[in-house]
Amino acid sequence: MSSLPAAAIFDMDGLLLDSEPLWHIAEVEIFGELGVPLERAQTRSTKGMFVDEVANYWFERFPWEGPPVDEVTKMILVRVEELIIQQGAVLPGAREAVEAMAALVPVGLASSTPRFLIEIVLDHIGFSEYFDVICSAQDEAYGKPHPAVFLTAAQRLGVSPERCCVFEDAPAGIVAAKAARMVCVAVPDVEDRDRAELGIADLVLDTLESFRPGLLERFFEE
């Protein structure tokens, strides 16, 4: 007999909000001012990293004189916050998918973004009411593709990992979800649709517009 998961866990950037390009804009602007010859396409090489890891990554390759890495990290976060308030848009089908799952099971959010910025984003797009728990991988010892943030979310939701369904867009997040032994619905960016990691996702959708809770039933046999 088939049923639904006991809980759903959503990523944020690139899944609910079209914010990945805004991170790229902020990084190109800030690092460019420091003399790092960074182009938008190159920012994809650090997708999924913590913002402080991104700053260290480029400092190691193009050491700059001026503000230290931790200050540059803050500069990027401030710029991303500005861009989200100015330009951040909910992705197609995101609100409907979250609403549908929240009407059926407890729902959590697990993102690599710092918690203060998660809360700003959710308030800005009007999603705060949907989530029973909010977890940031910044509070874990390891970020995605390590499963820690998803396991913490499941624990706080009071649900075993095997009964959770994760919604992710990024290859690192897909790996993290499967490492946590969770069912994974992947909604990849167009530029990631040839990535090998998609092969381990349980369900791959072009957008959340095509999601229906009934699509999950076959993955949760009672």
N, C-alpha and C. Protein backbone atom coordinates (compact mmCIF):
# COMPACT_ATOMS: atom_id res chain seq x y z
N MET A 1 0.85 -1.20 0.00
CA MET A 1 0.00 0.00 0.00
C MET A 1 0.88 1.25 0.00
N SER A 2 0.54 2.22 -0.85
CA SER A 2 1.33 3.44 -0.96
C SER A 2 0.77 4.53 -0.06
N SER A 3 1.63 5.47 0.33
CA SER A 3 1.21 6.60 1.15
C SER A 3 2.12 7.78 0.86
N LEU A 4 1.93 8.84 1.60
CA LEU A 4 2.75 10.02 1.45
C LEU A 4 3.90 10.00 2.46
N PRO A 5 4.92 10.86 2.26
CA PRO A 5 5.98 10.95 3.28
C PRO A 5 5.41 11.49 4.58
N ALA A 6 6.16 11.32 5.65
CA ALA A 6 5.74 11.85 6.95
C ALA A 6 6.15 13.30 7.12
N ALA A 7 7.07 13.78 6.28
CA ALA A 7 7.50 15.18 6.33
C ALA A 7 8.14 15.55 5.00
N ALA A 8 8.14 16.84 4.70
CA ALA A 8 8.79 17.35 3.49
C ALA A 8 9.81 18.41 3.90
N ILE A 9 10.95 18.40 3.22
CA ILE A 9 12.02 19.37 3.50
C ILE A 9 12.40 20.06 2.19
N PHE A 10 12.36 21.36 2.18
CA PHE A 10 12.66 22.15 0.99
C PHE A 10 13.98 22.89 1.12
N ASP A 11 14.76 22.91 0.04
CA ASP A 11 15.87 23.84 -0.09
C ASP A 11 15.27 25.21 -0.38
N MET A 12 16.08 26.25 -0.49
CA MET A 12 15.54 27.59 -0.74
C MET A 12 16.07 28.21 -2.02
N ASP A 13 17.36 28.59 -2.04
CA ASP A 13 17.92 29.28 -3.20
C ASP A 13 17.88 28.40 -4.44
N GLY A 14 17.30 28.93 -5.50
CA GLY A 14 17.25 28.18 -6.75
C GLY A 14 16.09 27.22 -6.84
N LEU A 15 15.40 26.99 -5.72
CA LEU A 15 14.25 26.09 -5.71
C LEU A 15 12.96 26.87 -5.47
N LEU A 16 12.95 27.67 -4.40
CA LEU A 16 11.78 28.49 -4.09
C LEU A 16 11.93 29.91 -4.65
N LEU A 17 13.14 30.39 -4.63
CA LEU A 17 13.43 31.77 -5.03
C LEU A 17 14.48 31.77 -6.14
N ASP A 18 14.27 32.62 -7.13
CA ASP A 18 15.22 32.74 -8.23
C ASP A 18 16.40 33.60 -7.78
N SER A 19 17.11 33.09 -6.78
CA SER A 19 18.17 33.89 -6.14
C SER A 19 19.58 33.51 -6.57
N GLU A 20 19.75 32.36 -7.21
CA GLU A 20 21.10 31.97 -7.63
C GLU A 20 21.75 33.04 -8.50
N PRO A 21 21.03 33.60 -9.49
CA PRO A 21 21.67 34.66 -10.29
C PRO A 21 22.06 35.88 -9.47
N LEU A 22 21.32 36.13 -8.38
CA LEU A 22 21.62 37.29 -7.54
C LEU A 22 22.90 37.06 -6.75
N TRP A 23 23.11 35.84 -6.28
CA TRP A 23 24.39 35.50 -5.65
C TRP A 23 25.54 35.70 -6.64
N HIS A 24 25.31 35.28 -7.88
CA HIS A 24 26.35 35.42 -8.90
C HIS A 24 26.67 36.89 -9.15
N ILE A 25 25.63 37.72 -9.25
CA ILE A 25 25.84 39.16 -9.47
C ILE A 25 26.65 39.75 -8.32
N ALA A 26 26.27 39.42 -7.09
CA ALA A 26 26.97 39.97 -5.92
C ALA A 26 28.43 39.54 -5.91
N GLU A 27 28.69 38.27 -6.22
CA GLU A 27 30.07 37.79 -6.21
C GLU A 27 30.91 38.46 -7.29
N VAL A 28 30.37 38.59 -8.50
CA VAL A 28 31.11 39.24 -9.58
C VAL A 28 31.41 40.69 -9.20
N GLU A 29 30.45 41.39 -8.62
CA GLU A 29 30.64 42.79 -8.23
C GLU A 29 31.70 42.92 -7.14
N ILE A 30 31.53 42.18 -6.06
CA ILE A 30 32.42 42.34 -4.90
C ILE A 30 33.83 41.87 -5.21
N PHE A 31 33.94 40.69 -5.78
CA PHE A 31 35.28 40.18 -6.09
C PHE A 31 35.94 41.01 -7.19
N GLY A 32 35.14 41.51 -8.13
CA GLY A 32 35.69 42.36 -9.20
C GLY A 32 36.32 43.61 -8.64
N GLU A 33 35.69 44.21 -7.62
CA GLU A 33 36.24 45.40 -6.97
C GLU A 33 37.57 45.11 -6.29
N LEU A 34 37.80 43.83 -5.96
CA LEU A 34 39.04 43.43 -5.28
C LEU A 34 40.10 42.95 -6.28
N GLY A 35 39.77 43.03 -7.56
CA GLY A 35 40.73 42.64 -8.58
C GLY A 35 40.68 41.19 -8.99
N VAL A 36 39.67 40.45 -8.53
CA VAL A 36 39.52 39.05 -8.94
C VAL A 36 38.83 39.02 -10.30
N PRO A 37 39.47 38.45 -11.33
CA PRO A 37 38.89 38.45 -12.69
C PRO A 37 37.80 37.39 -12.82
N LEU A 38 36.68 37.64 -12.14
CA LEU A 38 35.62 36.65 -12.05
C LEU A 38 34.50 36.98 -13.02
N GLU A 39 34.07 35.98 -13.78
CA GLU A 39 32.92 36.12 -14.66
C GLU A 39 31.79 35.26 -14.14
N ARG A 40 30.56 35.57 -14.57
CA ARG A 40 29.40 34.87 -14.04
C ARG A 40 29.51 33.36 -14.19
N ALA A 41 29.99 32.88 -15.33
CA ALA A 41 30.08 31.44 -15.56
C ALA A 41 30.97 30.77 -14.53
N GLN A 42 32.01 31.47 -14.07
CA GLN A 42 32.93 30.90 -13.11
C GLN A 42 32.31 30.73 -11.73
N THR A 43 31.28 31.52 -11.42
CA THR A 43 30.68 31.42 -10.09
C THR A 43 29.97 30.08 -9.91
N ARG A 44 29.66 29.38 -10.98
CA ARG A 44 29.02 28.07 -10.86
C ARG A 44 29.96 27.04 -10.26
N SER A 45 31.28 27.29 -10.33
CA SER A 45 32.25 26.35 -9.76
C SER A 45 32.18 26.32 -8.24
N THR A 46 31.58 27.33 -7.64
CA THR A 46 31.48 27.37 -6.18
C THR A 46 30.03 27.23 -5.71
N LYS A 47 29.12 26.85 -6.61
CA LYS A 47 27.72 26.70 -6.24
C LYS A 47 27.57 25.64 -5.15
N GLY A 48 26.82 25.98 -4.12
CA GLY A 48 26.60 25.05 -3.01
C GLY A 48 27.55 25.24 -1.85
N MET A 49 28.64 26.01 -2.05
CA MET A 49 29.56 26.28 -0.95
C MET A 49 28.97 27.33 -0.02
N PHE A 50 29.42 27.32 1.24
CA PHE A 50 29.12 28.42 2.14
C PHE A 50 29.76 29.68 1.58
N VAL A 51 29.18 30.84 1.88
CA VAL A 51 29.71 32.08 1.31
C VAL A 51 31.13 32.35 1.80
N ASP A 52 31.46 31.98 3.05
CA ASP A 52 32.83 32.18 3.52
C ASP A 52 33.80 31.25 2.79
N GLU A 53 33.32 30.05 2.42
CA GLU A 53 34.15 29.13 1.64
C GLU A 53 34.40 29.69 0.24
N VAL A 54 33.39 30.35 -0.32
CA VAL A 54 33.55 30.98 -1.64
C VAL A 54 34.61 32.07 -1.57
N ALA A 55 34.54 32.90 -0.52
CA ALA A 55 35.52 33.98 -0.36
C ALA A 55 36.93 33.42 -0.22
N ASN A 56 37.09 32.37 0.57
CA ASN A 56 38.40 31.74 0.73
C ASN A 56 38.88 31.11 -0.57
N TYR A 57 37.96 30.51 -1.30
CA TYR A 57 38.28 29.85 -2.58
C TYR A 57 38.94 30.85 -3.54
N TRP A 58 38.33 32.04 -3.67
CA TRP A 58 38.87 33.01 -4.63
C TRP A 58 40.09 33.74 -4.07
N PHE A 59 40.17 33.89 -2.74
CA PHE A 59 41.36 34.52 -2.16
C PHE A 59 42.59 33.64 -2.38
N GLU A 60 42.40 32.32 -2.26
CA GLU A 60 43.52 31.40 -2.48
C GLU A 60 44.04 31.48 -3.91
N ARG A 61 43.16 31.76 -4.84
CA ARG A 61 43.55 31.80 -6.26
C ARG A 61 43.99 33.19 -6.71
N PHE A 62 43.39 34.21 -6.15
CA PHE A 62 43.71 35.59 -6.52
C PHE A 62 43.81 36.44 -5.25
N PRO A 63 44.88 36.27 -4.47
CA PRO A 63 45.01 37.02 -3.20
C PRO A 63 44.90 38.53 -3.44
N TRP A 64 44.10 39.18 -2.62
CA TRP A 64 43.93 40.62 -2.77
C TRP A 64 44.45 41.34 -1.54
N GLU A 65 44.76 42.62 -1.75
CA GLU A 65 45.12 43.50 -0.65
C GLU A 65 43.88 44.30 -0.29
N GLY A 66 43.63 44.43 0.99
CA GLY A 66 42.43 45.15 1.39
C GLY A 66 41.68 44.41 2.47
N PRO A 67 40.34 44.38 2.37
CA PRO A 67 39.54 43.77 3.43
C PRO A 67 39.83 42.28 3.58
N PRO A 68 39.84 41.78 4.81
CA PRO A 68 40.06 40.34 5.03
C PRO A 68 38.87 39.53 4.54
N VAL A 69 39.08 38.22 4.44
CA VAL A 69 38.07 37.33 3.89
C VAL A 69 36.75 37.42 4.65
N ASP A 70 36.80 37.52 5.99
CA ASP A 70 35.55 37.57 6.74
C ASP A 70 34.77 38.84 6.45
N GLU A 71 35.47 39.93 6.18
CA GLU A 71 34.79 41.18 5.83
C GLU A 71 34.18 41.10 4.44
N VAL A 72 34.89 40.45 3.53
CA VAL A 72 34.36 40.26 2.17
C VAL A 72 33.11 39.39 2.22
N THR A 73 33.12 38.39 3.08
CA THR A 73 31.94 37.54 3.25
C THR A 73 30.73 38.39 3.65
N LYS A 74 30.91 39.29 4.60
CA LYS A 74 29.83 40.18 5.04
C LYS A 74 29.37 41.09 3.90
N MET A 75 30.31 41.57 3.09
CA MET A 75 29.97 42.44 1.97
C MET A 75 29.09 41.71 0.96
N ILE A 76 29.40 40.46 0.71
CA ILE A 76 28.60 39.67 -0.23
C ILE A 76 27.20 39.47 0.31
N LEU A 77 27.09 39.13 1.60
CA LEU A 77 25.78 38.90 2.20
C LEU A 77 24.92 40.16 2.18
N VAL A 78 25.52 41.30 2.46
CA VAL A 78 24.79 42.56 2.42
C VAL A 78 24.28 42.83 1.00
N ARG A 79 25.13 42.60 0.02
CA ARG A 79 24.74 42.86 -1.38
C ARG A 79 23.65 41.89 -1.82
N VAL A 80 23.76 40.63 -1.43
CA VAL A 80 22.73 39.65 -1.80
C VAL A 80 21.39 40.04 -1.18
N GLU A 81 21.41 40.47 0.08
CA GLU A 81 20.17 40.91 0.73
C GLU A 81 19.54 42.06 -0.05
N GLU A 82 20.34 43.03 -0.47
CA GLU A 82 19.84 44.15 -1.25
C GLU A 82 19.21 43.67 -2.55
N LEU A 83 19.88 42.78 -3.24
CA LEU A 83 19.40 42.29 -4.54
C LEU A 83 18.11 41.49 -4.39
N ILE A 84 18.03 40.69 -3.31
CA ILE A 84 16.81 39.89 -3.10
C ILE A 84 15.61 40.81 -2.85
N ILE A 85 15.80 41.84 -2.04
CA ILE A 85 14.71 42.77 -1.77
C ILE A 85 14.30 43.50 -3.06
N GLN A 86 15.29 43.82 -3.90
CA GLN A 86 15.02 44.56 -5.13
C GLN A 86 14.46 43.66 -6.25
N GLN A 87 14.99 42.45 -6.37
CA GLN A 87 14.72 41.65 -7.56
C GLN A 87 14.23 40.23 -7.29
N GLY A 88 14.29 39.77 -6.05
CA GLY A 88 13.97 38.37 -5.75
C GLY A 88 12.55 37.99 -6.17
N ALA A 89 12.43 36.89 -6.90
CA ALA A 89 11.12 36.45 -7.38
C ALA A 89 10.91 34.97 -7.05
N VAL A 90 9.70 34.64 -6.65
CA VAL A 90 9.35 33.24 -6.37
C VAL A 90 9.33 32.47 -7.68
N LEU A 91 9.92 31.28 -7.68
CA LEU A 91 9.98 30.46 -8.89
C LEU A 91 8.62 29.81 -9.18
N PRO A 92 8.34 29.53 -10.46
CA PRO A 92 7.04 28.97 -10.85
C PRO A 92 6.71 27.68 -10.10
N GLY A 93 5.53 27.63 -9.51
CA GLY A 93 5.05 26.44 -8.82
C GLY A 93 5.54 26.27 -7.41
N ALA A 94 6.46 27.14 -6.96
CA ALA A 94 7.06 26.96 -5.63
C ALA A 94 6.04 27.14 -4.52
N ARG A 95 5.27 28.21 -4.59
CA ARG A 95 4.30 28.46 -3.52
C ARG A 95 3.26 27.33 -3.48
N GLU A 96 2.79 26.91 -4.63
CA GLU A 96 1.78 25.86 -4.69
C GLU A 96 2.31 24.54 -4.14
N ALA A 97 3.57 24.23 -4.44
CA ALA A 97 4.16 22.97 -3.95
C ALA A 97 4.32 22.99 -2.43
N VAL A 98 4.80 24.10 -1.90
CA VAL A 98 4.98 24.21 -0.45
C VAL A 98 3.62 24.18 0.25
N GLU A 99 2.66 24.92 -0.29
CA GLU A 99 1.32 24.93 0.30
C GLU A 99 0.70 23.53 0.29
N ALA A 100 0.88 22.81 -0.82
CA ALA A 100 0.29 21.48 -0.93
C ALA A 100 0.86 20.53 0.10
N MET A 101 2.19 20.57 0.30
CA MET A 101 2.81 19.68 1.27
C MET A 101 2.50 20.12 2.70
N ALA A 102 2.47 21.43 2.94
CA ALA A 102 2.18 21.93 4.29
C ALA A 102 0.76 21.59 4.73
N ALA A 103 -0.13 21.40 3.78
CA ALA A 103 -1.51 21.02 4.12
C ALA A 103 -1.61 19.55 4.51
N LEU A 104 -0.55 18.77 4.23
CA LEU A 104 -0.60 17.32 4.44
C LEU A 104 0.34 16.82 5.54
N VAL A 105 1.53 17.40 5.62
CA VAL A 105 2.56 16.90 6.54
C VAL A 105 3.36 18.06 7.11
N PRO A 106 4.13 17.84 8.18
CA PRO A 106 5.05 18.88 8.67
C PRO A 106 6.08 19.22 7.58
N VAL A 107 6.46 20.48 7.52
CA VAL A 107 7.36 20.94 6.47
C VAL A 107 8.53 21.70 7.08
N GLY A 108 9.73 21.40 6.58
CA GLY A 108 10.93 22.09 7.04
C GLY A 108 11.67 22.73 5.88
N LEU A 109 12.55 23.66 6.20
CA LEU A 109 13.43 24.27 5.21
C LEU A 109 14.86 24.02 5.64
N ALA A 110 15.71 23.57 4.69
CA ALA A 110 17.11 23.28 4.99
C ALA A 110 17.98 23.89 3.89
N SER A 111 18.68 24.95 4.22
CA SER A 111 19.42 25.73 3.23
C SER A 111 20.86 25.95 3.68
N SER A 112 21.74 26.19 2.71
CA SER A 112 23.13 26.53 3.03
C SER A 112 23.28 28.01 3.37
N THR A 113 22.24 28.79 3.16
CA THR A 113 22.26 30.22 3.44
C THR A 113 22.24 30.47 4.95
N PRO A 114 22.94 31.50 5.43
CA PRO A 114 22.89 31.83 6.86
C PRO A 114 21.45 32.06 7.31
N ARG A 115 21.16 31.70 8.55
CA ARG A 115 19.78 31.74 9.03
C ARG A 115 19.16 33.15 8.96
N PHE A 116 19.95 34.17 9.28
CA PHE A 116 19.37 35.52 9.28
C PHE A 116 18.87 35.89 7.88
N LEU A 117 19.60 35.44 6.84
CA LEU A 117 19.20 35.76 5.48
C LEU A 117 18.02 34.88 5.04
N ILE A 118 17.99 33.63 5.52
CA ILE A 118 16.83 32.77 5.25
C ILE A 118 15.56 33.46 5.74
N GLU A 119 15.60 33.98 6.97
CA GLU A 119 14.42 34.60 7.55
C GLU A 119 14.02 35.86 6.80
N ILE A 120 14.99 36.62 6.33
CA ILE A 120 14.70 37.81 5.53
C ILE A 120 14.02 37.41 4.23
N VAL A 121 14.55 36.38 3.58
CA VAL A 121 13.99 35.92 2.31
C VAL A 121 12.56 35.42 2.50
N LEU A 122 12.35 34.55 3.49
CA LEU A 122 11.02 33.98 3.69
C LEU A 122 10.00 35.05 4.03
N ASP A 123 10.40 36.04 4.80
CA ASP A 123 9.50 37.14 5.11
C ASP A 123 9.20 37.96 3.85
N HIS A 124 10.23 38.20 3.04
CA HIS A 124 10.08 39.00 1.82
C HIS A 124 9.12 38.34 0.83
N ILE A 125 9.19 37.02 0.69
CA ILE A 125 8.35 36.34 -0.29
C ILE A 125 7.07 35.77 0.32
N GLY A 126 6.88 35.98 1.64
CA GLY A 126 5.65 35.55 2.28
C GLY A 126 5.53 34.06 2.49
N PHE A 127 6.65 33.39 2.78
CA PHE A 127 6.65 31.94 2.98
C PHE A 127 6.82 31.54 4.44
N SER A 128 7.05 32.48 5.33
CA SER A 128 7.41 32.14 6.71
C SER A 128 6.39 31.23 7.38
N GLU A 129 5.12 31.43 7.09
CA GLU A 129 4.06 30.69 7.78
C GLU A 129 4.04 29.20 7.45
N TYR A 130 4.67 28.80 6.36
CA TYR A 130 4.56 27.42 5.91
C TYR A 130 5.48 26.45 6.66
N PHE A 131 6.58 26.94 7.21
CA PHE A 131 7.62 26.04 7.70
C PHE A 131 7.57 25.83 9.21
N ASP A 132 7.55 24.55 9.60
CA ASP A 132 7.56 24.18 11.01
C ASP A 132 8.95 24.30 11.61
N VAL A 133 9.98 24.04 10.81
CA VAL A 133 11.36 24.22 11.26
C VAL A 133 12.17 24.85 10.14
N ILE A 134 13.19 25.62 10.53
CA ILE A 134 14.11 26.23 9.57
C ILE A 134 15.52 25.88 10.02
N CYS A 135 16.30 25.29 9.13
CA CYS A 135 17.67 24.86 9.46
C CYS A 135 18.65 25.45 8.45
N SER A 136 19.77 25.94 8.96
CA SER A 136 20.84 26.43 8.10
C SER A 136 22.05 25.51 8.22
N ALA A 137 22.61 25.13 7.09
CA ALA A 137 23.82 24.31 7.11
C ALA A 137 24.99 25.07 7.71
N GLN A 138 24.87 26.40 7.83
CA GLN A 138 25.91 27.18 8.48
C GLN A 138 26.06 26.79 9.95
N ASP A 139 25.02 26.19 10.51
CA ASP A 139 25.06 25.77 11.92
C ASP A 139 25.60 24.35 12.09
N GLU A 140 25.94 23.71 10.99
CA GLU A 140 26.46 22.34 11.02
C GLU A 140 27.98 22.35 10.85
N ALA A 141 28.61 21.24 11.22
CA ALA A 141 30.06 21.12 11.03
C ALA A 141 30.41 21.04 9.55
N TYR A 142 29.52 20.48 8.76
CA TYR A 142 29.75 20.32 7.32
C TYR A 142 28.51 20.74 6.55
N GLY A 143 28.72 21.35 5.39
CA GLY A 143 27.62 21.73 4.53
C GLY A 143 27.33 20.67 3.48
N LYS A 144 26.33 20.92 2.66
CA LYS A 144 26.01 20.01 1.56
C LYS A 144 27.24 19.90 0.65
N PRO A 145 27.59 18.72 0.17
CA PRO A 145 26.80 17.49 0.05
C PRO A 145 26.75 16.60 1.29
N HIS A 146 27.30 17.05 2.42
CA HIS A 146 27.11 16.29 3.66
C HIS A 146 25.63 16.36 4.04
N PRO A 147 25.06 15.28 4.58
CA PRO A 147 23.63 15.26 4.87
C PRO A 147 23.21 15.93 6.18
N ALA A 148 24.15 16.52 6.91
CA ALA A 148 23.86 16.98 8.27
C ALA A 148 22.63 17.87 8.38
N VAL A 149 22.49 18.86 7.50
CA VAL A 149 21.38 19.81 7.64
C VAL A 149 20.03 19.12 7.42
N PHE A 150 19.98 18.13 6.54
CA PHE A 150 18.73 17.39 6.32
C PHE A 150 18.42 16.49 7.51
N LEU A 151 19.45 15.88 8.08
CA LEU A 151 19.23 15.02 9.24
C LEU A 151 18.76 15.84 10.45
N THR A 152 19.33 17.03 10.60
CA THR A 152 18.88 17.92 11.69
C THR A 152 17.43 18.32 11.49
N ALA A 153 17.06 18.64 10.25
CA ALA A 153 15.68 19.02 9.97
C ALA A 153 14.72 17.88 10.29
N ALA A 154 15.07 16.66 9.88
CA ALA A 154 14.22 15.50 10.17
C ALA A 154 14.07 15.29 11.67
N GLN A 155 15.18 15.42 12.39
CA GLN A 155 15.15 15.24 13.85
C GLN A 155 14.24 16.28 14.49
N ARG A 156 14.34 17.51 14.06
CA ARG A 156 13.52 18.57 14.64
C ARG A 156 12.05 18.44 14.25
N LEU A 157 11.80 17.80 13.10
CA LEU A 157 10.42 17.54 12.69
C LEU A 157 9.85 16.30 13.37
N GLY A 158 10.72 15.52 14.02
CA GLY A 158 10.30 14.31 14.71
C GLY A 158 9.95 13.17 13.77
N VAL A 159 10.67 13.10 12.65
CA VAL A 159 10.39 12.10 11.61
C VAL A 159 11.68 11.36 11.25
N SER A 160 11.61 10.07 11.03
CA SER A 160 12.80 9.33 10.61
C SER A 160 13.20 9.75 9.20
N PRO A 161 14.49 9.79 8.90
CA PRO A 161 14.95 10.23 7.58
C PRO A 161 14.29 9.46 6.43
N GLU A 162 14.09 8.16 6.60
CA GLU A 162 13.52 7.36 5.53
C GLU A 162 12.09 7.75 5.19
N ARG A 163 11.43 8.50 6.07
CA ARG A 163 10.05 8.92 5.83
C ARG A 163 9.97 10.38 5.37
N CYS A 164 11.12 10.96 5.02
CA CYS A 164 11.17 12.35 4.57
C CYS A 164 11.35 12.43 3.06
N CYS A 165 10.82 13.49 2.48
CA CYS A 165 11.05 13.80 1.08
C CYS A 165 11.71 15.17 0.99
N VAL A 166 12.81 15.24 0.26
CA VAL A 166 13.55 16.48 0.07
C VAL A 166 13.30 17.02 -1.33
N PHE A 167 13.13 18.33 -1.42
CA PHE A 167 13.01 19.03 -2.70
C PHE A 167 14.27 19.86 -2.88
N GLU A 168 15.01 19.61 -3.94
CA GLU A 168 16.32 20.24 -4.16
C GLU A 168 16.51 20.61 -5.62
N ASP A 169 17.33 21.64 -5.85
CA ASP A 169 17.70 22.01 -7.22
C ASP A 169 19.17 21.72 -7.52
N ALA A 170 20.03 21.78 -6.50
CA ALA A 170 21.47 21.71 -6.71
C ALA A 170 22.02 20.30 -6.63
N PRO A 171 23.01 19.96 -7.46
CA PRO A 171 23.62 18.63 -7.40
C PRO A 171 24.12 18.28 -6.01
N ALA A 172 24.75 19.22 -5.31
CA ALA A 172 25.25 18.93 -3.95
C ALA A 172 24.11 18.61 -3.00
N GLY A 173 22.99 19.29 -3.17
CA GLY A 173 21.84 19.03 -2.33
C GLY A 173 21.21 17.68 -2.60
N ILE A 174 21.22 17.26 -3.86
CA ILE A 174 20.70 15.94 -4.22
C ILE A 174 21.54 14.86 -3.55
N VAL A 175 22.85 15.02 -3.61
CA VAL A 175 23.75 14.05 -2.98
C VAL A 175 23.50 14.02 -1.47
N ALA A 176 23.33 15.19 -0.87
CA ALA A 176 23.09 15.27 0.57
C ALA A 176 21.79 14.57 0.96
N ALA A 177 20.75 14.79 0.16
CA ALA A 177 19.45 14.16 0.45
C ALA A 177 19.54 12.65 0.40
N LYS A 178 20.20 12.12 -0.60
CA LYS A 178 20.31 10.66 -0.73
C LYS A 178 21.24 10.09 0.33
N ALA A 179 22.27 10.86 0.72
CA ALA A 179 23.15 10.40 1.81
C ALA A 179 22.38 10.34 3.12
N ALA A 180 21.35 11.17 3.25
CA ALA A 180 20.50 11.16 4.45
C ALA A 180 19.44 10.07 4.39
N ARG A 181 19.41 9.30 3.31
CA ARG A 181 18.46 8.20 3.10
C ARG A 181 17.03 8.72 2.90
N MET A 182 16.92 9.87 2.27
CA MET A 182 15.63 10.48 2.02
C MET A 182 15.25 10.38 0.55
N VAL A 183 13.97 10.36 0.27
CA VAL A 183 13.50 10.46 -1.11
C VAL A 183 13.79 11.87 -1.59
N CYS A 184 14.26 12.00 -2.83
CA CYS A 184 14.65 13.31 -3.34
C CYS A 184 13.92 13.65 -4.63
N VAL A 185 13.25 14.79 -4.63
CA VAL A 185 12.65 15.37 -5.83
C VAL A 185 13.60 16.46 -6.31
N ALA A 186 14.18 16.27 -7.48
CA ALA A 186 15.14 17.23 -8.03
C ALA A 186 14.45 18.13 -9.04
N VAL A 187 14.72 19.43 -8.91
CA VAL A 187 14.18 20.42 -9.85
C VAL A 187 15.37 21.26 -10.32
N PRO A 188 16.20 20.69 -11.19
CA PRO A 188 17.48 21.32 -11.52
C PRO A 188 17.36 22.55 -12.40
N ASP A 189 18.32 23.44 -12.24
CA ASP A 189 18.48 24.55 -13.16
C ASP A 189 18.80 24.01 -14.55
N VAL A 190 18.44 24.74 -15.57
CA VAL A 190 18.69 24.29 -16.95
C VAL A 190 20.15 23.92 -17.15
N GLU A 191 21.06 24.70 -16.56
CA GLU A 191 22.49 24.47 -16.76
C GLU A 191 22.99 23.23 -16.04
N ASP A 192 22.17 22.65 -15.14
CA ASP A 192 22.60 21.47 -14.39
C ASP A 192 21.92 20.18 -14.85
N ARG A 193 21.13 20.25 -15.90
CA ARG A 193 20.32 19.09 -16.27
C ARG A 193 21.10 17.93 -16.89
N ASP A 194 22.38 18.15 -17.16
CA ASP A 194 23.21 17.04 -17.66
C ASP A 194 24.14 16.51 -16.57
N ARG A 195 23.96 16.96 -15.34
CA ARG A 195 24.84 16.53 -14.25
C ARG A 195 24.51 15.10 -13.83
N ALA A 196 25.56 14.34 -13.55
CA ALA A 196 25.39 12.93 -13.19
C ALA A 196 24.60 12.74 -11.91
N GLU A 197 24.68 13.71 -11.01
CA GLU A 197 23.99 13.59 -9.72
C GLU A 197 22.48 13.41 -9.88
N LEU A 198 21.92 13.88 -10.97
CA LEU A 198 20.48 13.74 -11.19
C LEU A 198 20.07 12.27 -11.28
N GLY A 199 21.02 11.42 -11.61
CA GLY A 199 20.73 10.00 -11.75
C GLY A 199 20.36 9.33 -10.45
N ILE A 200 20.71 9.93 -9.30
CA ILE A 200 20.36 9.31 -8.02
C ILE A 200 19.09 9.90 -7.41
N ALA A 201 18.54 10.95 -8.03
CA ALA A 201 17.28 11.51 -7.55
C ALA A 201 16.15 10.53 -7.83
N ASP A 202 15.14 10.54 -6.99
CA ASP A 202 14.01 9.64 -7.17
C ASP A 202 13.02 10.16 -8.21
N LEU A 203 12.93 11.48 -8.32
CA LEU A 203 12.02 12.11 -9.26
C LEU A 203 12.66 13.40 -9.74
N VAL A 204 12.65 13.63 -11.05
CA VAL A 204 13.23 14.84 -11.62
C VAL A 204 12.14 15.60 -12.36
N LEU A 205 11.97 16.88 -12.01
CA LEU A 205 10.96 17.72 -12.62
C LEU A 205 11.62 18.94 -13.26
N ASP A 206 11.04 19.43 -14.36
CA ASP A 206 11.56 20.64 -14.98
C ASP A 206 11.30 21.86 -14.11
N THR A 207 10.09 21.94 -13.53
CA THR A 207 9.74 23.01 -12.60
C THR A 207 8.78 22.44 -11.56
N LEU A 208 8.59 23.16 -10.48
CA LEU A 208 7.64 22.73 -9.45
C LEU A 208 6.20 22.88 -9.90
N GLU A 209 5.99 23.51 -11.05
CA GLU A 209 4.63 23.62 -11.58
C GLU A 209 4.00 22.26 -11.86
N SER A 210 4.85 21.28 -12.16
CA SER A 210 4.34 19.95 -12.49
C SER A 210 4.24 19.03 -11.28
N PHE A 211 4.56 19.55 -10.08
CA PHE A 211 4.51 18.71 -8.89
C PHE A 211 3.09 18.54 -8.36
N ARG A 212 2.78 17.31 -7.97
CA ARG A 212 1.55 16.98 -7.24
C ARG A 212 1.92 16.01 -6.14
N PRO A 213 1.36 16.14 -4.93
CA PRO A 213 1.70 15.22 -3.84
C PRO A 213 1.54 13.75 -4.21
N GLY A 214 0.57 13.44 -5.06
CA GLY A 214 0.36 12.05 -5.45
C GLY A 214 1.55 11.43 -6.15
N LEU A 215 2.45 12.25 -6.70
CA LEU A 215 3.64 11.73 -7.36
C LEU A 215 4.58 11.02 -6.38
N LEU A 216 4.42 11.30 -5.09
CA LEU A 216 5.31 10.73 -4.07
C LEU A 216 4.85 9.39 -3.55
N GLU A 217 3.62 9.03 -3.80
CA GLU A 217 3.04 7.85 -3.16
C GLU A 217 3.82 6.57 -3.44
N ARG A 218 4.32 6.41 -4.65
CA ARG A 218 5.00 5.16 -4.98
C ARG A 218 6.33 4.98 -4.24
N PHE A 219 6.85 6.06 -3.65
CA PHE A 219 8.14 5.97 -2.96
C PHE A 219 7.98 5.63 -1.48
N PHE A 220 6.75 5.60 -1.00
CA PHE A 220 6.52 5.37 0.43
C PHE A 220 5.52 4.24 0.63
N GLU A 221 6.01 3.03 0.50
CA GLU A 221 5.18 1.84 0.66
C GLU A 221 4.98 1.55 2.15
N GLU A 222 3.75 1.29 2.55
CA GLU A 222 3.48 0.94 3.94
C GLU A 222 3.50 -0.57 4.14
